[in-house]
Amino acid sequence: MTIPGAAALALVLAFLAGCASTTSDTASDEPTEATIHEDGFTSFDAAIEEYWATAEKFPLPAGEEYPEPTFDDASGSYQAGYGETEAVGAWNCAWGREYLEAFGTDPEREATALAEYSRLVETDAFARSYDPESAQSAVYDSIEKAKLGDPSRVQSVIDGGCPQ
């Protein structure tokens, strides 16, 4: 793996670990104002609720199911958007795997999977949680290379940033 590739993967891993801020353009994707404290944090239960509410809005490929959230500290507090960010990450990983499985064997399935994988850049979680200078550019690069028929960058993202 190249140094830029390793750096991009490290940034994607940081995203999947739950780096998130407290703003969002889509109010319906956020916990209610009543569940967000003044400091921008919310409870474990609200973060779990946010995860599953986001999962409802982002369908997975046929046969796939959302994993249980990886965060499990019921006594902790979580930044608003944390559950959304994790659910969007799981969704994007599932579509990346679907794209790789279909690549070169099923053009229609491949195109559908790439279109869904590419939607990551339209999400609030992407805008909020991916560093524009490094992680966002790596994601854009993986999408552009895939559109040109090169799945290697998508493979790198999946291998380095998604649970198997």
N, C-alpha and C. Protein backbone atom coordinates (compact mmCIF):
# COMPACT_ATOMS: atom_id res chain seq x y z
N MET A 1 0.85 -1.16 0.00
CA MET A 1 0.00 0.00 0.00
C MET A 1 0.90 1.23 0.00
N THR A 2 0.50 2.27 -0.71
CA THR A 2 1.28 3.49 -0.77
C THR A 2 1.08 4.31 0.50
N ILE A 3 1.99 5.25 0.73
CA ILE A 3 1.87 6.14 1.89
C ILE A 3 0.57 6.94 1.82
N PRO A 4 0.21 7.56 0.65
CA PRO A 4 -1.07 8.27 0.60
C PRO A 4 -2.25 7.34 0.87
N GLY A 5 -2.17 6.11 0.38
CA GLY A 5 -3.25 5.15 0.62
C GLY A 5 -3.37 4.82 2.09
N ALA A 6 -2.24 4.63 2.76
CA ALA A 6 -2.25 4.32 4.19
C ALA A 6 -2.80 5.50 4.98
N ALA A 7 -2.42 6.70 4.59
CA ALA A 7 -2.91 7.89 5.28
C ALA A 7 -4.42 8.02 5.11
N ALA A 8 -4.91 7.77 3.91
CA ALA A 8 -6.35 7.84 3.67
C ALA A 8 -7.09 6.81 4.51
N LEU A 9 -6.53 5.62 4.59
CA LEU A 9 -7.17 4.57 5.39
C LEU A 9 -7.19 4.94 6.86
N ALA A 10 -6.12 5.54 7.34
CA ALA A 10 -6.08 5.95 8.74
C ALA A 10 -7.17 6.98 9.02
N LEU A 11 -7.39 7.87 8.08
CA LEU A 11 -8.43 8.88 8.27
C LEU A 11 -9.82 8.26 8.24
N VAL A 12 -10.02 7.30 7.36
CA VAL A 12 -11.31 6.62 7.31
C VAL A 12 -11.54 5.87 8.62
N LEU A 13 -10.49 5.25 9.15
CA LEU A 13 -10.63 4.55 10.43
C LEU A 13 -11.00 5.53 11.54
N ALA A 14 -10.41 6.71 11.51
CA ALA A 14 -10.76 7.71 12.52
C ALA A 14 -12.24 8.08 12.41
N PHE A 15 -12.73 8.20 11.20
CA PHE A 15 -14.15 8.47 10.99
C PHE A 15 -15.01 7.37 11.58
N LEU A 16 -14.65 6.14 11.27
CA LEU A 16 -15.46 5.02 11.74
C LEU A 16 -15.37 4.85 13.24
N ALA A 17 -14.34 5.39 13.85
CA ALA A 17 -14.22 5.33 15.30
C ALA A 17 -15.17 6.31 15.97
N GLY A 18 -15.79 7.19 15.17
CA GLY A 18 -16.83 8.02 15.73
C GLY A 18 -16.51 9.48 15.87
N CYS A 19 -15.55 9.99 15.12
CA CYS A 19 -15.29 11.41 15.16
C CYS A 19 -16.50 12.12 14.60
N ALA A 20 -17.08 13.01 15.36
CA ALA A 20 -18.27 13.72 14.89
C ALA A 20 -18.36 15.04 15.63
N SER A 21 -18.93 16.03 14.96
CA SER A 21 -19.19 17.29 15.62
C SER A 21 -20.67 17.38 15.91
N THR A 22 -21.16 18.57 16.18
CA THR A 22 -22.52 18.69 16.67
C THR A 22 -23.47 19.35 15.70
N THR A 23 -23.09 19.61 14.48
CA THR A 23 -23.99 20.29 13.57
C THR A 23 -24.46 19.38 12.47
N SER A 24 -25.60 19.74 11.90
CA SER A 24 -26.16 18.96 10.80
C SER A 24 -27.08 19.85 10.00
N ASP A 25 -27.12 19.63 8.71
CA ASP A 25 -28.01 20.38 7.85
C ASP A 25 -29.41 19.80 7.83
N THR A 26 -29.58 18.57 8.26
CA THR A 26 -30.86 17.89 8.17
C THR A 26 -31.40 17.64 9.56
N ALA A 27 -32.28 18.52 10.01
CA ALA A 27 -32.78 18.43 11.37
C ALA A 27 -33.48 17.11 11.64
N SER A 28 -34.13 16.52 10.65
CA SER A 28 -34.85 15.28 10.88
C SER A 28 -33.92 14.11 11.16
N ASP A 29 -32.63 14.23 10.86
CA ASP A 29 -31.68 13.16 11.11
C ASP A 29 -31.04 13.27 12.49
N GLU A 30 -31.38 14.30 13.25
CA GLU A 30 -30.73 14.54 14.53
C GLU A 30 -31.63 14.14 15.68
N PRO A 31 -31.03 13.92 16.84
CA PRO A 31 -31.86 13.74 18.03
C PRO A 31 -32.67 15.01 18.25
N THR A 32 -33.77 14.91 18.94
CA THR A 32 -34.58 16.09 19.20
C THR A 32 -33.81 17.04 20.10
N GLU A 33 -34.20 18.30 20.06
CA GLU A 33 -33.54 19.30 20.90
C GLU A 33 -33.58 18.90 22.37
N ALA A 34 -34.65 18.22 22.78
CA ALA A 34 -34.78 17.82 24.18
C ALA A 34 -33.71 16.83 24.60
N THR A 35 -33.14 16.08 23.66
CA THR A 35 -32.15 15.07 24.03
C THR A 35 -30.72 15.56 23.89
N ILE A 36 -30.52 16.74 23.32
CA ILE A 36 -29.18 17.29 23.15
C ILE A 36 -28.92 18.30 24.27
N HIS A 37 -27.90 18.06 25.04
CA HIS A 37 -27.53 18.96 26.12
C HIS A 37 -26.87 20.21 25.55
N GLU A 38 -26.75 21.23 26.38
CA GLU A 38 -26.15 22.49 25.94
C GLU A 38 -24.75 22.31 25.39
N ASP A 39 -24.03 21.32 25.88
CA ASP A 39 -22.66 21.10 25.41
C ASP A 39 -22.60 20.31 24.11
N GLY A 40 -23.76 19.98 23.52
CA GLY A 40 -23.79 19.26 22.25
C GLY A 40 -23.72 17.75 22.40
N PHE A 41 -23.80 17.27 23.62
CA PHE A 41 -23.74 15.83 23.87
C PHE A 41 -25.13 15.29 24.18
N THR A 42 -25.25 14.00 24.02
CA THR A 42 -26.52 13.33 24.26
C THR A 42 -26.27 12.02 25.00
N SER A 43 -27.31 11.37 25.41
CA SER A 43 -27.17 10.14 26.18
C SER A 43 -26.89 8.93 25.28
N PHE A 44 -26.48 7.86 25.91
CA PHE A 44 -26.28 6.59 25.21
C PHE A 44 -27.57 6.16 24.51
N ASP A 45 -28.69 6.21 25.22
CA ASP A 45 -29.96 5.79 24.63
C ASP A 45 -30.32 6.63 23.41
N ALA A 46 -30.07 7.94 23.49
CA ALA A 46 -30.37 8.82 22.35
C ALA A 46 -29.45 8.51 21.17
N ALA A 47 -28.18 8.19 21.45
CA ALA A 47 -27.25 7.83 20.37
C ALA A 47 -27.66 6.53 19.70
N ILE A 48 -28.11 5.56 20.50
CA ILE A 48 -28.60 4.29 19.94
C ILE A 48 -29.84 4.55 19.09
N GLU A 49 -30.74 5.35 19.60
CA GLU A 49 -31.96 5.70 18.86
C GLU A 49 -31.61 6.38 17.54
N GLU A 50 -30.63 7.27 17.59
CA GLU A 50 -30.18 7.97 16.38
C GLU A 50 -29.60 6.98 15.37
N TYR A 51 -28.83 6.01 15.84
CA TYR A 51 -28.25 4.99 14.96
C TYR A 51 -29.35 4.26 14.20
N TRP A 52 -30.34 3.74 14.94
CA TRP A 52 -31.39 2.94 14.29
C TRP A 52 -32.31 3.80 13.44
N ALA A 53 -32.55 5.06 13.82
CA ALA A 53 -33.36 5.95 12.98
C ALA A 53 -32.64 6.23 11.66
N THR A 54 -31.33 6.40 11.73
CA THR A 54 -30.54 6.61 10.51
C THR A 54 -30.55 5.35 9.66
N ALA A 55 -30.42 4.19 10.27
CA ALA A 55 -30.44 2.92 9.54
C ALA A 55 -31.73 2.77 8.74
N GLU A 56 -32.83 3.25 9.28
CA GLU A 56 -34.12 3.18 8.57
C GLU A 56 -34.09 3.99 7.27
N LYS A 57 -33.29 5.03 7.24
CA LYS A 57 -33.25 5.94 6.09
C LYS A 57 -32.24 5.52 5.03
N PHE A 58 -31.37 4.57 5.36
CA PHE A 58 -30.31 4.14 4.45
C PHE A 58 -30.38 2.63 4.25
N PRO A 59 -31.18 2.17 3.29
CA PRO A 59 -31.32 0.73 3.06
C PRO A 59 -30.00 0.09 2.62
N LEU A 60 -29.81 -1.12 3.08
CA LEU A 60 -28.62 -1.91 2.73
C LEU A 60 -28.91 -2.79 1.51
N PRO A 61 -27.86 -3.34 0.91
CA PRO A 61 -28.07 -4.29 -0.19
C PRO A 61 -28.89 -5.49 0.29
N ALA A 62 -29.53 -6.15 -0.65
CA ALA A 62 -30.35 -7.33 -0.35
C ALA A 62 -29.53 -8.34 0.46
N GLY A 63 -30.15 -8.85 1.50
CA GLY A 63 -29.50 -9.86 2.32
C GLY A 63 -28.61 -9.32 3.42
N GLU A 64 -28.36 -8.03 3.43
CA GLU A 64 -27.50 -7.42 4.46
C GLU A 64 -28.36 -6.90 5.61
N GLU A 65 -27.80 -6.87 6.79
CA GLU A 65 -28.45 -6.30 7.96
C GLU A 65 -27.47 -5.39 8.68
N TYR A 66 -28.00 -4.35 9.29
CA TYR A 66 -27.15 -3.47 10.08
C TYR A 66 -26.60 -4.23 11.28
N PRO A 67 -25.33 -4.03 11.57
CA PRO A 67 -24.78 -4.62 12.80
C PRO A 67 -25.28 -3.83 14.01
N GLU A 68 -25.17 -4.42 15.15
CA GLU A 68 -25.45 -3.67 16.37
C GLU A 68 -24.43 -2.53 16.45
N PRO A 69 -24.80 -1.38 17.01
CA PRO A 69 -23.83 -0.30 17.16
C PRO A 69 -22.60 -0.77 17.93
N THR A 70 -21.45 -0.24 17.57
CA THR A 70 -20.22 -0.66 18.24
C THR A 70 -19.99 0.06 19.56
N PHE A 71 -20.65 1.18 19.76
CA PHE A 71 -20.49 1.89 21.03
C PHE A 71 -21.43 1.26 22.06
N ASP A 72 -20.90 1.04 23.27
CA ASP A 72 -21.70 0.31 24.25
C ASP A 72 -21.56 0.82 25.68
N ASP A 73 -21.04 2.01 25.84
CA ASP A 73 -20.89 2.57 27.18
C ASP A 73 -22.18 3.28 27.58
N ALA A 74 -23.07 2.56 28.24
CA ALA A 74 -24.37 3.11 28.61
C ALA A 74 -24.25 4.26 29.60
N SER A 75 -23.13 4.38 30.30
CA SER A 75 -22.96 5.47 31.25
C SER A 75 -22.33 6.70 30.60
N GLY A 76 -21.91 6.57 29.35
CA GLY A 76 -21.22 7.66 28.68
C GLY A 76 -22.16 8.64 28.03
N SER A 77 -21.59 9.72 27.54
CA SER A 77 -22.34 10.67 26.73
C SER A 77 -21.69 10.71 25.35
N TYR A 78 -22.48 11.03 24.36
CA TYR A 78 -22.04 10.97 22.97
C TYR A 78 -22.39 12.28 22.28
N GLN A 79 -21.52 12.69 21.37
CA GLN A 79 -21.82 13.89 20.61
C GLN A 79 -23.06 13.64 19.77
N ALA A 80 -23.89 14.67 19.65
CA ALA A 80 -25.03 14.58 18.75
C ALA A 80 -24.49 14.27 17.36
N GLY A 81 -25.06 13.32 16.69
CA GLY A 81 -24.59 12.90 15.38
C GLY A 81 -23.74 11.64 15.41
N TYR A 82 -23.34 11.20 16.60
CA TYR A 82 -22.48 10.02 16.73
C TYR A 82 -23.17 8.77 16.19
N GLY A 83 -24.40 8.55 16.58
CA GLY A 83 -25.14 7.38 16.10
C GLY A 83 -25.36 7.43 14.60
N GLU A 84 -25.68 8.62 14.09
CA GLU A 84 -25.87 8.79 12.65
C GLU A 84 -24.58 8.47 11.90
N THR A 85 -23.47 8.99 12.39
CA THR A 85 -22.19 8.77 11.73
C THR A 85 -21.85 7.29 11.67
N GLU A 86 -22.08 6.57 12.75
CA GLU A 86 -21.77 5.14 12.74
C GLU A 86 -22.69 4.37 11.79
N ALA A 87 -23.97 4.71 11.77
CA ALA A 87 -24.90 4.02 10.87
C ALA A 87 -24.56 4.30 9.41
N VAL A 88 -24.23 5.54 9.09
CA VAL A 88 -23.85 5.88 7.71
C VAL A 88 -22.57 5.13 7.33
N GLY A 89 -21.64 5.00 8.26
CA GLY A 89 -20.42 4.24 7.98
C GLY A 89 -20.72 2.78 7.68
N ALA A 90 -21.62 2.17 8.46
CA ALA A 90 -22.00 0.77 8.21
C ALA A 90 -22.68 0.63 6.86
N TRP A 91 -23.54 1.57 6.54
CA TRP A 91 -24.25 1.58 5.25
C TRP A 91 -23.25 1.68 4.10
N ASN A 92 -22.30 2.61 4.21
CA ASN A 92 -21.33 2.79 3.14
C ASN A 92 -20.44 1.57 2.98
N CYS A 93 -20.05 0.96 4.08
CA CYS A 93 -19.24 -0.26 4.00
C CYS A 93 -20.00 -1.37 3.29
N ALA A 94 -21.28 -1.51 3.60
CA ALA A 94 -22.08 -2.56 2.97
C ALA A 94 -22.17 -2.35 1.46
N TRP A 95 -22.37 -1.11 1.04
CA TRP A 95 -22.46 -0.84 -0.40
C TRP A 95 -21.09 -0.95 -1.08
N GLY A 96 -20.02 -0.62 -0.37
CA GLY A 96 -18.69 -0.83 -0.93
C GLY A 96 -18.40 -2.30 -1.15
N ARG A 97 -18.77 -3.13 -0.17
CA ARG A 97 -18.59 -4.59 -0.33
C ARG A 97 -19.45 -5.12 -1.48
N GLU A 98 -20.67 -4.61 -1.58
CA GLU A 98 -21.57 -5.03 -2.67
C GLU A 98 -20.96 -4.69 -4.03
N TYR A 99 -20.40 -3.48 -4.13
CA TYR A 99 -19.75 -3.06 -5.37
C TYR A 99 -18.60 -4.01 -5.71
N LEU A 100 -17.76 -4.31 -4.74
CA LEU A 100 -16.61 -5.18 -4.98
C LEU A 100 -17.04 -6.59 -5.37
N GLU A 101 -18.09 -7.10 -4.74
CA GLU A 101 -18.59 -8.43 -5.09
C GLU A 101 -19.14 -8.48 -6.52
N ALA A 102 -19.76 -7.40 -6.95
CA ALA A 102 -20.38 -7.36 -8.28
C ALA A 102 -19.41 -6.93 -9.37
N PHE A 103 -18.29 -6.33 -8.98
CA PHE A 103 -17.36 -5.78 -9.96
C PHE A 103 -16.95 -6.83 -11.00
N GLY A 104 -17.15 -6.49 -12.25
CA GLY A 104 -16.72 -7.33 -13.36
C GLY A 104 -17.59 -8.55 -13.62
N THR A 105 -18.60 -8.78 -12.81
CA THR A 105 -19.44 -9.97 -13.01
C THR A 105 -20.91 -9.65 -13.25
N ASP A 106 -21.39 -8.55 -12.70
CA ASP A 106 -22.80 -8.18 -12.81
C ASP A 106 -22.90 -6.67 -12.97
N PRO A 107 -22.86 -6.18 -14.22
CA PRO A 107 -22.81 -4.74 -14.47
C PRO A 107 -23.95 -3.94 -13.83
N GLU A 108 -25.15 -4.47 -13.83
CA GLU A 108 -26.28 -3.74 -13.25
C GLU A 108 -26.13 -3.62 -11.73
N ARG A 109 -25.80 -4.72 -11.10
CA ARG A 109 -25.59 -4.73 -9.65
C ARG A 109 -24.40 -3.85 -9.27
N GLU A 110 -23.36 -3.91 -10.08
CA GLU A 110 -22.17 -3.09 -9.86
C GLU A 110 -22.52 -1.60 -9.92
N ALA A 111 -23.29 -1.21 -10.93
CA ALA A 111 -23.67 0.20 -11.10
C ALA A 111 -24.54 0.68 -9.94
N THR A 112 -25.49 -0.15 -9.53
CA THR A 112 -26.35 0.21 -8.40
C THR A 112 -25.53 0.38 -7.13
N ALA A 113 -24.64 -0.56 -6.89
CA ALA A 113 -23.81 -0.51 -5.68
C ALA A 113 -22.90 0.71 -5.68
N LEU A 114 -22.30 1.02 -6.82
CA LEU A 114 -21.43 2.19 -6.89
C LEU A 114 -22.22 3.48 -6.68
N ALA A 115 -23.43 3.53 -7.23
CA ALA A 115 -24.27 4.72 -7.04
C ALA A 115 -24.58 4.91 -5.55
N GLU A 116 -24.91 3.83 -4.87
CA GLU A 116 -25.20 3.93 -3.43
C GLU A 116 -23.95 4.27 -2.64
N TYR A 117 -22.85 3.62 -2.93
CA TYR A 117 -21.57 3.90 -2.27
C TYR A 117 -21.21 5.38 -2.44
N SER A 118 -21.46 5.91 -3.63
CA SER A 118 -21.11 7.30 -3.95
C SER A 118 -21.98 8.30 -3.19
N ARG A 119 -23.16 7.90 -2.77
CA ARG A 119 -24.05 8.81 -2.04
C ARG A 119 -23.48 9.25 -0.70
N LEU A 120 -22.44 8.58 -0.23
CA LEU A 120 -21.82 8.99 1.03
C LEU A 120 -21.52 10.48 1.03
N VAL A 121 -21.03 11.00 -0.08
CA VAL A 121 -20.61 12.40 -0.13
C VAL A 121 -21.79 13.37 0.00
N GLU A 122 -23.01 12.88 -0.09
CA GLU A 122 -24.20 13.71 0.05
C GLU A 122 -24.74 13.73 1.48
N THR A 123 -24.14 12.98 2.37
CA THR A 123 -24.67 12.86 3.73
C THR A 123 -24.12 13.92 4.66
N ASP A 124 -24.91 14.23 5.67
CA ASP A 124 -24.45 15.14 6.72
C ASP A 124 -23.26 14.55 7.45
N ALA A 125 -23.28 13.25 7.65
CA ALA A 125 -22.17 12.59 8.36
C ALA A 125 -20.85 12.81 7.63
N PHE A 126 -20.86 12.74 6.31
CA PHE A 126 -19.65 12.96 5.53
C PHE A 126 -19.16 14.40 5.71
N ALA A 127 -20.07 15.35 5.57
CA ALA A 127 -19.69 16.76 5.70
C ALA A 127 -19.19 17.07 7.11
N ARG A 128 -19.78 16.44 8.09
CA ARG A 128 -19.47 16.73 9.49
C ARG A 128 -18.25 15.96 9.99
N SER A 129 -18.05 14.74 9.52
CA SER A 129 -17.09 13.84 10.17
C SER A 129 -15.84 13.53 9.38
N TYR A 130 -15.78 13.87 8.13
CA TYR A 130 -14.60 13.59 7.30
C TYR A 130 -13.82 14.88 7.10
N ASP A 131 -12.53 14.83 7.37
CA ASP A 131 -11.67 15.98 7.15
C ASP A 131 -11.64 16.32 5.67
N PRO A 132 -11.95 17.58 5.31
CA PRO A 132 -12.00 17.95 3.89
C PRO A 132 -10.68 17.78 3.14
N GLU A 133 -9.57 18.01 3.81
CA GLU A 133 -8.28 17.96 3.14
C GLU A 133 -7.76 16.55 2.91
N SER A 134 -8.18 15.62 3.72
CA SER A 134 -7.60 14.28 3.60
C SER A 134 -8.66 13.21 3.37
N ALA A 135 -9.53 13.01 4.33
CA ALA A 135 -10.50 11.92 4.22
C ALA A 135 -11.50 12.15 3.10
N GLN A 136 -12.02 13.37 2.99
CA GLN A 136 -12.98 13.62 1.92
C GLN A 136 -12.34 13.43 0.56
N SER A 137 -11.12 13.91 0.39
CA SER A 137 -10.46 13.74 -0.91
C SER A 137 -10.20 12.27 -1.21
N ALA A 138 -9.90 11.47 -0.19
CA ALA A 138 -9.69 10.04 -0.41
C ALA A 138 -10.98 9.36 -0.85
N VAL A 139 -12.10 9.75 -0.26
CA VAL A 139 -13.39 9.18 -0.66
C VAL A 139 -13.73 9.58 -2.09
N TYR A 140 -13.58 10.87 -2.39
CA TYR A 140 -13.84 11.31 -3.76
C TYR A 140 -12.96 10.55 -4.75
N ASP A 141 -11.70 10.34 -4.39
CA ASP A 141 -10.77 9.61 -5.25
C ASP A 141 -11.23 8.17 -5.46
N SER A 142 -11.70 7.52 -4.41
CA SER A 142 -12.15 6.13 -4.55
C SER A 142 -13.36 6.05 -5.48
N ILE A 143 -14.24 7.02 -5.39
CA ILE A 143 -15.42 7.05 -6.25
C ILE A 143 -15.02 7.30 -7.70
N GLU A 144 -14.16 8.27 -7.92
CA GLU A 144 -13.75 8.58 -9.30
C GLU A 144 -13.02 7.41 -9.94
N LYS A 145 -12.12 6.79 -9.20
CA LYS A 145 -11.41 5.62 -9.76
C LYS A 145 -12.38 4.49 -10.06
N ALA A 146 -13.35 4.26 -9.19
CA ALA A 146 -14.34 3.21 -9.43
C ALA A 146 -15.17 3.51 -10.68
N LYS A 147 -15.53 4.77 -10.86
CA LYS A 147 -16.29 5.14 -12.06
C LYS A 147 -15.49 4.89 -13.33
N LEU A 148 -14.17 4.92 -13.21
CA LEU A 148 -13.30 4.65 -14.36
C LEU A 148 -12.93 3.17 -14.47
N GLY A 149 -13.51 2.35 -13.61
CA GLY A 149 -13.28 0.91 -13.70
C GLY A 149 -12.19 0.36 -12.81
N ASP A 150 -11.69 1.17 -11.88
CA ASP A 150 -10.62 0.73 -10.98
C ASP A 150 -11.18 0.61 -9.56
N PRO A 151 -11.39 -0.61 -9.07
CA PRO A 151 -11.96 -0.78 -7.74
C PRO A 151 -10.94 -0.72 -6.60
N SER A 152 -9.68 -0.48 -6.90
CA SER A 152 -8.63 -0.61 -5.89
C SER A 152 -8.80 0.33 -4.69
N ARG A 153 -9.22 1.55 -4.91
CA ARG A 153 -9.37 2.49 -3.79
C ARG A 153 -10.58 2.11 -2.93
N VAL A 154 -11.66 1.65 -3.56
CA VAL A 154 -12.80 1.18 -2.77
C VAL A 154 -12.35 -0.01 -1.93
N GLN A 155 -11.58 -0.91 -2.54
CA GLN A 155 -11.06 -2.07 -1.81
C GLN A 155 -10.22 -1.63 -0.62
N SER A 156 -9.39 -0.61 -0.80
CA SER A 156 -8.56 -0.11 0.30
C SER A 156 -9.41 0.44 1.44
N VAL A 157 -10.45 1.17 1.09
CA VAL A 157 -11.33 1.73 2.12
C VAL A 157 -12.03 0.61 2.88
N ILE A 158 -12.53 -0.37 2.16
CA ILE A 158 -13.24 -1.48 2.80
C ILE A 158 -12.28 -2.29 3.68
N ASP A 159 -11.11 -2.61 3.15
CA ASP A 159 -10.14 -3.40 3.91
C ASP A 159 -9.67 -2.67 5.17
N GLY A 160 -9.48 -1.37 5.06
CA GLY A 160 -8.90 -0.62 6.17
C GLY A 160 -9.88 0.02 7.12
N GLY A 161 -11.13 0.17 6.70
CA GLY A 161 -12.04 0.93 7.54
C GLY A 161 -13.37 0.29 7.83
N CYS A 162 -13.57 -0.94 7.39
CA CYS A 162 -14.87 -1.58 7.60
C CYS A 162 -14.71 -2.89 8.34
N PRO A 163 -15.64 -3.17 9.24
CA PRO A 163 -15.59 -4.48 9.89
C PRO A 163 -15.84 -5.58 8.87
N GLN A 164 -15.21 -6.70 9.06
CA GLN A 164 -15.35 -7.80 8.09
C GLN A 164 -16.49 -8.69 8.42
